[in-house]
PDB file of all heavy atoms in Angstrom:
ATOM      1  N   HIS A   1      -0.417   6.216  -5.157  1.00  0.00           N
ATOM      2  CA  HIS A   1       0.059   7.544  -5.548  1.00  0.00           C
ATOM      3  C   HIS A   1       0.663   8.279  -4.334  1.00  0.00           C
ATOM      4  O   HIS A   1       1.717   8.909  -4.445  1.00  0.00           O
ATOM      5  CB  HIS A   1      -1.077   8.366  -6.160  1.00  0.00           C
ATOM      6  CG  HIS A   1      -0.671   9.757  -6.511  1.00  0.00           C
ATOM      7  ND1 HIS A   1       0.138  10.036  -7.595  1.00  0.00           N
ATOM      8  CD2 HIS A   1      -0.923  10.945  -5.910  1.00  0.00           C
ATOM      9  CE1 HIS A   1       0.360  11.335  -7.648  1.00  0.00           C
ATOM     10  NE2 HIS A   1      -0.272  11.915  -6.638  1.00  0.00           N
ATOM     11  N   LEU A   2      -0.003   8.192  -3.194  1.00  0.00           N
ATOM     12  CA  LEU A   2       0.501   8.838  -1.981  1.00  0.00           C
ATOM     13  C   LEU A   2       1.819   8.227  -1.520  1.00  0.00           C
ATOM     14  O   LEU A   2       2.657   8.904  -0.913  1.00  0.00           O
ATOM     15  CB  LEU A   2      -0.536   8.743  -0.856  1.00  0.00           C
ATOM     16  CG  LEU A   2      -1.779   9.600  -1.028  1.00  0.00           C
ATOM     17  CD1 LEU A   2      -2.847   9.206  -0.008  1.00  0.00           C
ATOM     18  CD2 LEU A   2      -1.434  11.080  -0.895  1.00  0.00           C
ATOM     19  N   LEU A   3       1.999   6.966  -1.812  1.00  0.00           N
ATOM     20  CA  LEU A   3       3.219   6.263  -1.410  1.00  0.00           C
ATOM     21  C   LEU A   3       4.452   6.821  -2.120  1.00  0.00           C
ATOM     22  O   LEU A   3       5.559   6.748  -1.592  1.00  0.00           O
ATOM     23  CB  LEU A   3       3.064   4.769  -1.740  1.00  0.00           C
ATOM     24  CG  LEU A   3       3.739   3.782  -0.829  1.00  0.00           C
ATOM     25  CD1 LEU A   3       3.235   3.947   0.591  1.00  0.00           C
ATOM     26  CD2 LEU A   3       3.500   2.372  -1.305  1.00  0.00           C
ATOM     27  N   ILE A   4       4.253   7.396  -3.299  1.00  0.00           N
ATOM     28  CA  ILE A   4       5.366   7.972  -4.062  1.00  0.00           C
ATOM     29  C   ILE A   4       6.010   9.116  -3.284  1.00  0.00           C
ATOM     30  O   ILE A   4       7.226   9.222  -3.210  1.00  0.00           O
ATOM     31  CB  ILE A   4       4.881   8.475  -5.445  1.00  0.00           C
ATOM     32  CG1 ILE A   4       4.436   7.296  -6.297  1.00  0.00           C
ATOM     33  CG2 ILE A   4       5.976   9.268  -6.143  1.00  0.00           C
ATOM     34  CD1 ILE A   4       3.698   7.697  -7.556  1.00  0.00           C
ATOM     35  N   ASN A   5       5.188   9.962  -2.679  1.00  0.00           N
ATOM     36  CA  ASN A   5       5.685  11.164  -2.001  1.00  0.00           C
ATOM     37  C   ASN A   5       5.910  10.995  -0.510  1.00  0.00           C
ATOM     38  O   ASN A   5       6.730  11.688   0.066  1.00  0.00           O
ATOM     39  CB  ASN A   5       4.717  12.333  -2.223  1.00  0.00           C
ATOM     40  CG  ASN A   5       4.562  12.658  -3.686  1.00  0.00           C
ATOM     41  OD1 ASN A   5       5.515  12.584  -4.437  1.00  0.00           O
ATOM     42  ND2 ASN A   5       3.364  13.005  -4.090  1.00  0.00           N
ATOM     43  N   GLY A   6       5.142  10.116   0.111  1.00  0.00           N
ATOM     44  CA  GLY A   6       5.184  10.060   1.568  1.00  0.00           C
ATOM     45  C   GLY A   6       5.911   8.854   2.102  1.00  0.00           C
ATOM     46  O   GLY A   6       5.791   7.756   1.581  1.00  0.00           O
ATOM     47  N   GLY A   7       6.673   9.088   3.156  1.00  0.00           N
ATOM     48  CA  GLY A   7       7.281   7.993   3.892  1.00  0.00           C
ATOM     49  C   GLY A   7       6.405   7.717   5.099  1.00  0.00           C
ATOM     50  O   GLY A   7       6.341   8.528   6.012  1.00  0.00           O
ATOM     51  N   PHE A   8       5.698   6.620   5.089  1.00  0.00           N
ATOM     52  CA  PHE A   8       4.772   6.309   6.175  1.00  0.00           C
ATOM     53  C   PHE A   8       5.414   5.335   7.154  1.00  0.00           C
ATOM     54  O   PHE A   8       6.176   4.456   6.769  1.00  0.00           O
ATOM     55  CB  PHE A   8       3.471   5.726   5.611  1.00  0.00           C
ATOM     56  CG  PHE A   8       2.721   6.702   4.739  1.00  0.00           C
ATOM     57  CD1 PHE A   8       2.781   6.619   3.363  1.00  0.00           C
ATOM     58  CD2 PHE A   8       1.984   7.727   5.311  1.00  0.00           C
ATOM     59  CE1 PHE A   8       2.109   7.534   2.563  1.00  0.00           C
ATOM     60  CE2 PHE A   8       1.310   8.646   4.532  1.00  0.00           C
ATOM     61  CZ  PHE A   8       1.374   8.549   3.145  1.00  0.00           C
ATOM     62  N   ASP A   9       5.068   5.514   8.427  1.00  0.00           N
ATOM     63  CA  ASP A   9       5.535   4.605   9.472  1.00  0.00           C
ATOM     64  C   ASP A   9       4.610   3.404   9.613  1.00  0.00           C
ATOM     65  O   ASP A   9       5.005   2.384  10.160  1.00  0.00           O
ATOM     66  CB  ASP A   9       5.608   5.342  10.813  1.00  0.00           C
ATOM     67  CG  ASP A   9       6.587   6.495  10.776  1.00  0.00           C
ATOM     68  OD1 ASP A   9       7.738   6.276  10.339  1.00  0.00           O
ATOM     69  OD2 ASP A   9       6.211   7.616  11.154  1.00  0.00           O
ATOM     70  N   LEU A  10       3.385   3.552   9.110  1.00  0.00           N
ATOM     71  CA  LEU A  10       2.385   2.480   9.235  1.00  0.00           C
ATOM     72  C   LEU A  10       1.284   2.731   8.212  1.00  0.00           C
ATOM     73  O   LEU A  10       0.897   3.876   7.983  1.00  0.00           O
ATOM     74  CB  LEU A  10       1.806   2.479  10.660  1.00  0.00           C
ATOM     75  CG  LEU A  10       0.639   1.546  10.957  1.00  0.00           C
ATOM     76  CD1 LEU A  10       0.996   0.078  10.728  1.00  0.00           C
ATOM     77  CD2 LEU A  10       0.153   1.754  12.398  1.00  0.00           C
ATOM     78  N   ILE A  11       0.781   1.635   7.631  1.00  0.00           N
ATOM     79  CA  ILE A  11      -0.344   1.733   6.705  1.00  0.00           C
ATOM     80  C   ILE A  11      -1.440   0.784   7.161  1.00  0.00           C
ATOM     81  O   ILE A  11      -1.191  -0.404   7.402  1.00  0.00           O
ATOM     82  CB  ILE A  11       0.082   1.379   5.261  1.00  0.00           C
ATOM     83  CG1 ILE A  11       1.141   2.370   4.771  1.00  0.00           C
ATOM     84  CG2 ILE A  11      -1.130   1.369   4.325  1.00  0.00           C
ATOM     85  CD1 ILE A  11       1.749   2.015   3.416  1.00  0.00           C
ATOM     86  N   TYR A  12      -2.657   1.329   7.301  1.00  0.00           N
ATOM     87  CA  TYR A  12      -3.857   0.513   7.521  1.00  0.00           C
ATOM     88  C   TYR A  12      -4.542   0.399   6.171  1.00  0.00           C
ATOM     89  O   TYR A  12      -4.831   1.408   5.526  1.00  0.00           O
ATOM     90  CB  TYR A  12      -4.791   1.178   8.535  1.00  0.00           C
ATOM     91  CG  TYR A  12      -4.343   0.998   9.962  1.00  0.00           C
ATOM     92  CD1 TYR A  12      -3.672   2.012  10.632  1.00  0.00           C
ATOM     93  CD2 TYR A  12      -4.588  -0.189  10.640  1.00  0.00           C
ATOM     94  CE1 TYR A  12      -3.257   1.853  11.945  1.00  0.00           C
ATOM     95  CE2 TYR A  12      -4.175  -0.357  11.952  1.00  0.00           C
ATOM     96  CZ  TYR A  12      -3.512   0.663  12.593  1.00  0.00           C
ATOM     97  OH  TYR A  12      -3.098   0.497  13.885  1.00  0.00           O
ATOM     98  N   LEU A  13      -4.817  -0.814   5.736  1.00  0.00           N
ATOM     99  CA  LEU A  13      -5.300  -1.059   4.381  1.00  0.00           C
ATOM    100  C   LEU A  13      -6.510  -1.985   4.396  1.00  0.00           C
ATOM    101  O   LEU A  13      -6.443  -3.107   4.903  1.00  0.00           O
ATOM    102  CB  LEU A  13      -4.167  -1.689   3.561  1.00  0.00           C
ATOM    103  CG  LEU A  13      -4.439  -2.150   2.150  1.00  0.00           C
ATOM    104  CD1 LEU A  13      -4.840  -0.973   1.260  1.00  0.00           C
ATOM    105  CD2 LEU A  13      -3.201  -2.850   1.587  1.00  0.00           C
ATOM    106  N   ASP A  14      -7.616  -1.497   3.819  1.00  0.00           N
ATOM    107  CA  ASP A  14      -8.824  -2.313   3.677  1.00  0.00           C
ATOM    108  C   ASP A  14      -8.590  -3.331   2.560  1.00  0.00           C
ATOM    109  O   ASP A  14      -7.988  -3.011   1.535  1.00  0.00           O
ATOM    110  CB  ASP A  14     -10.016  -1.412   3.337  1.00  0.00           C
ATOM    111  CG  ASP A  14     -11.343  -2.163   3.343  1.00  0.00           C
ATOM    112  OD1 ASP A  14     -11.393  -3.318   3.824  1.00  0.00           O
ATOM    113  OD2 ASP A  14     -12.327  -1.587   2.858  1.00  0.00           O
ATOM    114  N   ILE A  15      -9.055  -4.546   2.757  1.00  0.00           N
ATOM    115  CA  ILE A  15      -8.895  -5.577   1.725  1.00  0.00           C
ATOM    116  C   ILE A  15      -9.815  -5.313   0.536  1.00  0.00           C
ATOM    117  O   ILE A  15      -9.422  -5.461  -0.614  1.00  0.00           O
ATOM    118  CB  ILE A  15      -9.155  -6.981   2.300  1.00  0.00           C
ATOM    119  CG1 ILE A  15      -8.014  -7.365   3.234  1.00  0.00           C
ATOM    120  CG2 ILE A  15      -9.273  -8.001   1.178  1.00  0.00           C
ATOM    121  CD1 ILE A  15      -8.160  -8.725   3.863  1.00  0.00           C
ATOM    122  N   HIS A  16     -11.047  -4.898   0.808  1.00  0.00           N
ATOM    123  CA  HIS A  16     -12.043  -4.725  -0.255  1.00  0.00           C
ATOM    124  C   HIS A  16     -12.122  -3.256  -0.663  1.00  0.00           C
ATOM    125  O   HIS A  16     -12.838  -2.471  -0.059  1.00  0.00           O
ATOM    126  CB  HIS A  16     -13.398  -5.251   0.206  1.00  0.00           C
ATOM    127  CG  HIS A  16     -13.357  -6.704   0.554  1.00  0.00           C
ATOM    128  ND1 HIS A  16     -13.256  -7.683  -0.391  1.00  0.00           N
ATOM    129  CD2 HIS A  16     -13.364  -7.331   1.756  1.00  0.00           C
ATOM    130  CE1 HIS A  16     -13.225  -8.864   0.199  1.00  0.00           C
ATOM    131  NE2 HIS A  16     -13.278  -8.677   1.511  1.00  0.00           N
ATOM    132  N   LEU A  17     -11.402  -2.911  -1.710  1.00  0.00           N
ATOM    133  CA  LEU A  17     -11.398  -1.556  -2.242  1.00  0.00           C
ATOM    134  C   LEU A  17     -12.103  -1.559  -3.606  1.00  0.00           C
ATOM    135  O   LEU A  17     -12.135  -2.589  -4.279  1.00  0.00           O
ATOM    136  CB  LEU A  17      -9.962  -1.045  -2.383  1.00  0.00           C
ATOM    137  CG  LEU A  17      -9.193  -0.897  -1.064  1.00  0.00           C
ATOM    138  CD1 LEU A  17      -7.716  -0.637  -1.321  1.00  0.00           C
ATOM    139  CD2 LEU A  17      -9.790   0.224  -0.222  1.00  0.00           C
ATOM    140  N   PRO A  18     -12.636  -0.428  -4.032  1.00  0.00           N
ATOM    141  CA  PRO A  18     -13.419  -0.414  -5.265  1.00  0.00           C
ATOM    142  C   PRO A  18     -12.605  -0.619  -6.546  1.00  0.00           C
ATOM    143  O   PRO A  18     -13.128  -1.125  -7.529  1.00  0.00           O
ATOM    144  CB  PRO A  18     -14.059   0.975  -5.263  1.00  0.00           C
ATOM    145  CG  PRO A  18     -13.187   1.803  -4.381  1.00  0.00           C
ATOM    146  CD  PRO A  18     -12.620   0.864  -3.367  1.00  0.00           C
ATOM    147  N   ASP A  19     -11.346  -0.249  -6.532  1.00  0.00           N
ATOM    148  CA  ASP A  19     -10.565  -0.319  -7.769  1.00  0.00           C
ATOM    149  C   ASP A  19      -9.570  -1.471  -7.796  1.00  0.00           C
ATOM    150  O   ASP A  19      -9.491  -2.220  -8.751  1.00  0.00           O
ATOM    151  CB  ASP A  19      -9.860   1.013  -8.018  1.00  0.00           C
ATOM    152  CG  ASP A  19      -8.941   1.421  -6.876  1.00  0.00           C
ATOM    153  OD1 ASP A  19      -9.022   0.826  -5.781  1.00  0.00           O
ATOM    154  OD2 ASP A  19      -8.129   2.350  -7.079  1.00  0.00           O
ATOM    155  N   ILE A  20      -8.774  -1.602  -6.765  1.00  0.00           N
ATOM    156  CA  ILE A  20      -7.733  -2.636  -6.703  1.00  0.00           C
ATOM    157  C   ILE A  20      -7.934  -3.417  -5.410  1.00  0.00           C
ATOM    158  O   ILE A  20      -8.159  -2.833  -4.356  1.00  0.00           O
ATOM    159  CB  ILE A  20      -6.319  -2.007  -6.685  1.00  0.00           C
ATOM    160  CG1 ILE A  20      -6.124  -1.043  -7.855  1.00  0.00           C
ATOM    161  CG2 ILE A  20      -5.241  -3.087  -6.714  1.00  0.00           C
ATOM    162  CD1 ILE A  20      -4.836  -0.226  -7.777  1.00  0.00           C
ATOM    163  N   ASN A  21      -7.815  -4.711  -5.477  1.00  0.00           N
ATOM    164  CA  ASN A  21      -7.924  -5.548  -4.287  1.00  0.00           C
ATOM    165  C   ASN A  21      -6.811  -5.160  -3.312  1.00  0.00           C
ATOM    166  O   ASN A  21      -5.669  -4.919  -3.718  1.00  0.00           O
ATOM    167  CB  ASN A  21      -7.803  -7.026  -4.692  1.00  0.00           C
ATOM    168  CG  ASN A  21      -7.932  -7.951  -3.504  1.00  0.00           C
ATOM    169  OD1 ASN A  21      -7.040  -8.012  -2.660  1.00  0.00           O
ATOM    170  ND2 ASN A  21      -9.028  -8.653  -3.441  1.00  0.00           N
ATOM    171  N   GLY A  22      -7.169  -5.099  -2.027  1.00  0.00           N
ATOM    172  CA  GLY A  22      -6.193  -4.710  -1.006  1.00  0.00           C
ATOM    173  C   GLY A  22      -4.960  -5.587  -0.975  1.00  0.00           C
ATOM    174  O   GLY A  22      -3.857  -5.116  -0.689  1.00  0.00           O
ATOM    175  N   LEU A  23      -5.118  -6.873  -1.293  1.00  0.00           N
ATOM    176  CA  LEU A  23      -3.961  -7.766  -1.313  1.00  0.00           C
ATOM    177  C   LEU A  23      -2.998  -7.386  -2.449  1.00  0.00           C
ATOM    178  O   LEU A  23      -1.782  -7.471  -2.291  1.00  0.00           O
ATOM    179  CB  LEU A  23      -4.403  -9.224  -1.435  1.00  0.00           C
ATOM    180  CG  LEU A  23      -5.204  -9.763  -0.237  1.00  0.00           C
ATOM    181  CD1 LEU A  23      -5.692 -11.181  -0.511  1.00  0.00           C
ATOM    182  CD2 LEU A  23      -4.391  -9.713   1.049  1.00  0.00           C
ATOM    183  N   ASP A  24      -3.551  -6.945  -3.577  1.00  0.00           N
ATOM    184  CA  ASP A  24      -2.701  -6.476  -4.679  1.00  0.00           C
ATOM    185  C   ASP A  24      -2.000  -5.171  -4.316  1.00  0.00           C
ATOM    186  O   ASP A  24      -0.841  -4.955  -4.672  1.00  0.00           O
ATOM    187  CB  ASP A  24      -3.527  -6.311  -5.961  1.00  0.00           C
ATOM    188  CG  ASP A  24      -4.023  -7.641  -6.502  1.00  0.00           C
ATOM    189  OD1 ASP A  24      -3.343  -8.674  -6.266  1.00  0.00           O
ATOM    190  OD2 ASP A  24      -5.094  -7.657  -7.145  1.00  0.00           O
ATOM    191  N   VAL A  25      -2.709  -4.305  -3.612  1.00  0.00           N
ATOM    192  CA  VAL A  25      -2.097  -3.064  -3.136  1.00  0.00           C
ATOM    193  C   VAL A  25      -0.968  -3.394  -2.159  1.00  0.00           C
ATOM    194  O   VAL A  25       0.108  -2.791  -2.209  1.00  0.00           O
ATOM    195  CB  VAL A  25      -3.146  -2.140  -2.471  1.00  0.00           C
ATOM    196  CG1 VAL A  25      -2.487  -0.898  -1.876  1.00  0.00           C
ATOM    197  CG2 VAL A  25      -4.229  -1.748  -3.467  1.00  0.00           C
ATOM    198  N   LEU A  26      -1.193  -4.374  -1.286  1.00  0.00           N
ATOM    199  CA  LEU A  26      -0.170  -4.803  -0.330  1.00  0.00           C
ATOM    200  C   LEU A  26       1.091  -5.268  -1.055  1.00  0.00           C
ATOM    201  O   LEU A  26       2.209  -4.904  -0.674  1.00  0.00           O
ATOM    202  CB  LEU A  26      -0.717  -5.920   0.565  1.00  0.00           C
ATOM    203  CG  LEU A  26       0.256  -6.553   1.557  1.00  0.00           C
ATOM    204  CD1 LEU A  26       0.764  -5.531   2.561  1.00  0.00           C
ATOM    205  CD2 LEU A  26      -0.417  -7.716   2.274  1.00  0.00           C
ATOM    206  N   LYS A  27       0.924  -6.061  -2.108  1.00  0.00           N
ATOM    207  CA  LYS A  27       2.087  -6.517  -2.897  1.00  0.00           C
ATOM    208  C   LYS A  27       2.865  -5.332  -3.435  1.00  0.00           C
ATOM    209  O   LYS A  27       4.100  -5.294  -3.362  1.00  0.00           O
ATOM    210  CB  LYS A  27       1.619  -7.387  -4.079  1.00  0.00           C
ATOM    211  CG  LYS A  27       1.158  -8.762  -3.732  1.00  0.00           C
ATOM    212  CD  LYS A  27       0.761  -9.472  -5.027  1.00  0.00           C
ATOM    213  CE  LYS A  27      -0.215 -10.586  -4.761  1.00  0.00           C
ATOM    214  NZ  LYS A  27      -0.715 -11.202  -6.004  1.00  0.00           N
ATOM    215  N   GLU A  28       2.145  -4.370  -3.986  1.00  0.00           N
ATOM    216  CA  GLU A  28       2.784  -3.197  -4.581  1.00  0.00           C
ATOM    217  C   GLU A  28       3.490  -2.359  -3.514  1.00  0.00           C
ATOM    218  O   GLU A  28       4.592  -1.862  -3.740  1.00  0.00           O
ATOM    219  CB  GLU A  28       1.747  -2.358  -5.325  1.00  0.00           C
ATOM    220  CG  GLU A  28       2.320  -1.214  -6.110  1.00  0.00           C
ATOM    221  CD  GLU A  28       3.212  -1.635  -7.264  1.00  0.00           C
ATOM    222  OE1 GLU A  28       2.999  -2.724  -7.839  1.00  0.00           O
ATOM    223  OE2 GLU A  28       4.136  -0.868  -7.587  1.00  0.00           O
ATOM    224  N   ILE A  29       2.863  -2.208  -2.363  1.00  0.00           N
ATOM    225  CA  ILE A  29       3.493  -1.455  -1.261  1.00  0.00           C
ATOM    226  C   ILE A  29       4.822  -2.096  -0.885  1.00  0.00           C
ATOM    227  O   ILE A  29       5.837  -1.411  -0.748  1.00  0.00           O
ATOM    228  CB  ILE A  29       2.558  -1.386  -0.030  1.00  0.00           C
ATOM    229  CG1 ILE A  29       1.372  -0.473  -0.306  1.00  0.00           C
ATOM    230  CG2 ILE A  29       3.325  -0.925   1.208  1.00  0.00           C
ATOM    231  CD1 ILE A  29       0.275  -0.537   0.751  1.00  0.00           C
ATOM    232  N   HIS A  30       4.829  -3.414  -0.740  1.00  0.00           N
ATOM    233  CA  HIS A  30       6.063  -4.090  -0.317  1.00  0.00           C
ATOM    234  C   HIS A  30       7.122  -4.124  -1.408  1.00  0.00           C
ATOM    235  O   HIS A  30       8.310  -4.248  -1.094  1.00  0.00           O
ATOM    236  CB  HIS A  30       5.757  -5.482   0.226  1.00  0.00           C
ATOM    237  CG  HIS A  30       5.246  -5.436   1.635  1.00  0.00           C
ATOM    238  ND1 HIS A  30       5.979  -4.928   2.677  1.00  0.00           N
ATOM    239  CD2 HIS A  30       4.065  -5.801   2.172  1.00  0.00           C
ATOM    240  CE1 HIS A  30       5.274  -4.986   3.790  1.00  0.00           C
ATOM    241  NE2 HIS A  30       4.110  -5.503   3.511  1.00  0.00           N
ATOM    242  N   GLN A  31       6.724  -3.985  -2.661  1.00  0.00           N
ATOM    243  CA  GLN A  31       7.726  -3.856  -3.712  1.00  0.00           C
ATOM    244  C   GLN A  31       8.383  -2.482  -3.655  1.00  0.00           C
ATOM    245  O   GLN A  31       9.583  -2.353  -3.874  1.00  0.00           O
ATOM    246  CB  GLN A  31       7.096  -4.081  -5.089  1.00  0.00           C
ATOM    247  CG  GLN A  31       6.787  -5.538  -5.368  1.00  0.00           C
ATOM    248  CD  GLN A  31       6.107  -5.736  -6.718  1.00  0.00           C
ATOM    249  OE1 GLN A  31       5.820  -4.785  -7.430  1.00  0.00           O
ATOM    250  NE2 GLN A  31       5.847  -6.985  -7.054  1.00  0.00           N
ATOM    251  N   ARG A  32       7.594  -1.470  -3.356  1.00  0.00           N
ATOM    252  CA  ARG A  32       8.111  -0.096  -3.321  1.00  0.00           C
ATOM    253  C   ARG A  32       8.820   0.229  -2.008  1.00  0.00           C
ATOM    254  O   ARG A  32       9.845   0.904  -2.002  1.00  0.00           O
ATOM    255  CB  ARG A  32       6.976   0.903  -3.524  1.00  0.00           C
ATOM    256  CG  ARG A  32       6.353   0.830  -4.896  1.00  0.00           C
ATOM    257  CD  ARG A  32       5.277   1.878  -5.018  1.00  0.00           C
ATOM    258  NE  ARG A  32       4.529   1.752  -6.254  1.00  0.00           N
ATOM    259  CZ  ARG A  32       3.636   2.628  -6.651  1.00  0.00           C
ATOM    260  NH1 ARG A  32       3.363   3.698  -5.922  1.00  0.00           N
ATOM    261  NH2 ARG A  32       2.994   2.450  -7.785  1.00  0.00           N
ATOM    262  N   GLN A  33       8.216  -0.178  -0.906  1.00  0.00           N
ATOM    263  CA  GLN A  33       8.766   0.141   0.415  1.00  0.00           C
ATOM    264  C   GLN A  33       8.644  -1.089   1.318  1.00  0.00           C
ATOM    265  O   GLN A  33       7.724  -1.194   2.129  1.00  0.00           O
ATOM    266  CB  GLN A  33       8.018   1.323   1.032  1.00  0.00           C
ATOM    267  CG  GLN A  33       8.198   2.607   0.265  1.00  0.00           C
ATOM    268  CD  GLN A  33       7.509   3.784   0.936  1.00  0.00           C
ATOM    269  OE1 GLN A  33       7.087   3.728   2.085  1.00  0.00           O
ATOM    270  NE2 GLN A  33       7.397   4.877   0.207  1.00  0.00           N
ATOM    271  N   PRO A  34       9.585  -2.009   1.181  1.00  0.00           N
ATOM    272  CA  PRO A  34       9.467  -3.282   1.898  1.00  0.00           C
ATOM    273  C   PRO A  34       9.497  -3.182   3.420  1.00  0.00           C
ATOM    274  O   PRO A  34       9.041  -4.090   4.104  1.00  0.00           O
ATOM    275  CB  PRO A  34      10.656  -4.097   1.377  1.00  0.00           C
ATOM    276  CG  PRO A  34      11.579  -3.110   0.767  1.00  0.00           C
ATOM    277  CD  PRO A  34      10.774  -1.932   0.347  1.00  0.00           C
ATOM    278  N   ASP A  35      10.003  -2.077   3.967  1.00  0.00           N
ATOM    279  CA  ASP A  35      10.129  -1.971   5.418  1.00  0.00           C
ATOM    280  C   ASP A  35       8.909  -1.374   6.111  1.00  0.00           C
ATOM    281  O   ASP A  35       8.830  -1.392   7.334  1.00  0.00           O
ATOM    282  CB  ASP A  35      11.363  -1.147   5.781  1.00  0.00           C
ATOM    283  CG  ASP A  35      12.643  -1.818   5.320  1.00  0.00           C
ATOM    284  OD1 ASP A  35      12.697  -3.058   5.315  1.00  0.00           O
ATOM    285  OD2 ASP A  35      13.587  -1.091   4.944  1.00  0.00           O
ATOM    286  N   VAL A  36       7.966  -0.825   5.347  1.00  0.00           N
ATOM    287  CA  VAL A  36       6.811  -0.184   5.991  1.00  0.00           C
ATOM    288  C   VAL A  36       5.825  -1.264   6.467  1.00  0.00           C
ATOM    289  O   VAL A  36       5.464  -2.155   5.719  1.00  0.00           O
ATOM    290  CB  VAL A  36       6.136   0.846   5.051  1.00  0.00           C
ATOM    291  CG1 VAL A  36       5.493   0.193   3.856  1.00  0.00           C
ATOM    292  CG2 VAL A  36       5.112   1.666   5.800  1.00  0.00           C
TER     293      VAL A  36
END
């Protein structure tokens, strides 16, 4: 949700999250903003 509004220069992402696996979040991040 934050990725929709914010342009980040770097993201630190935990692999083990309570709702979505971090690797799945990583896939989604790179689909939305491949350069981050």
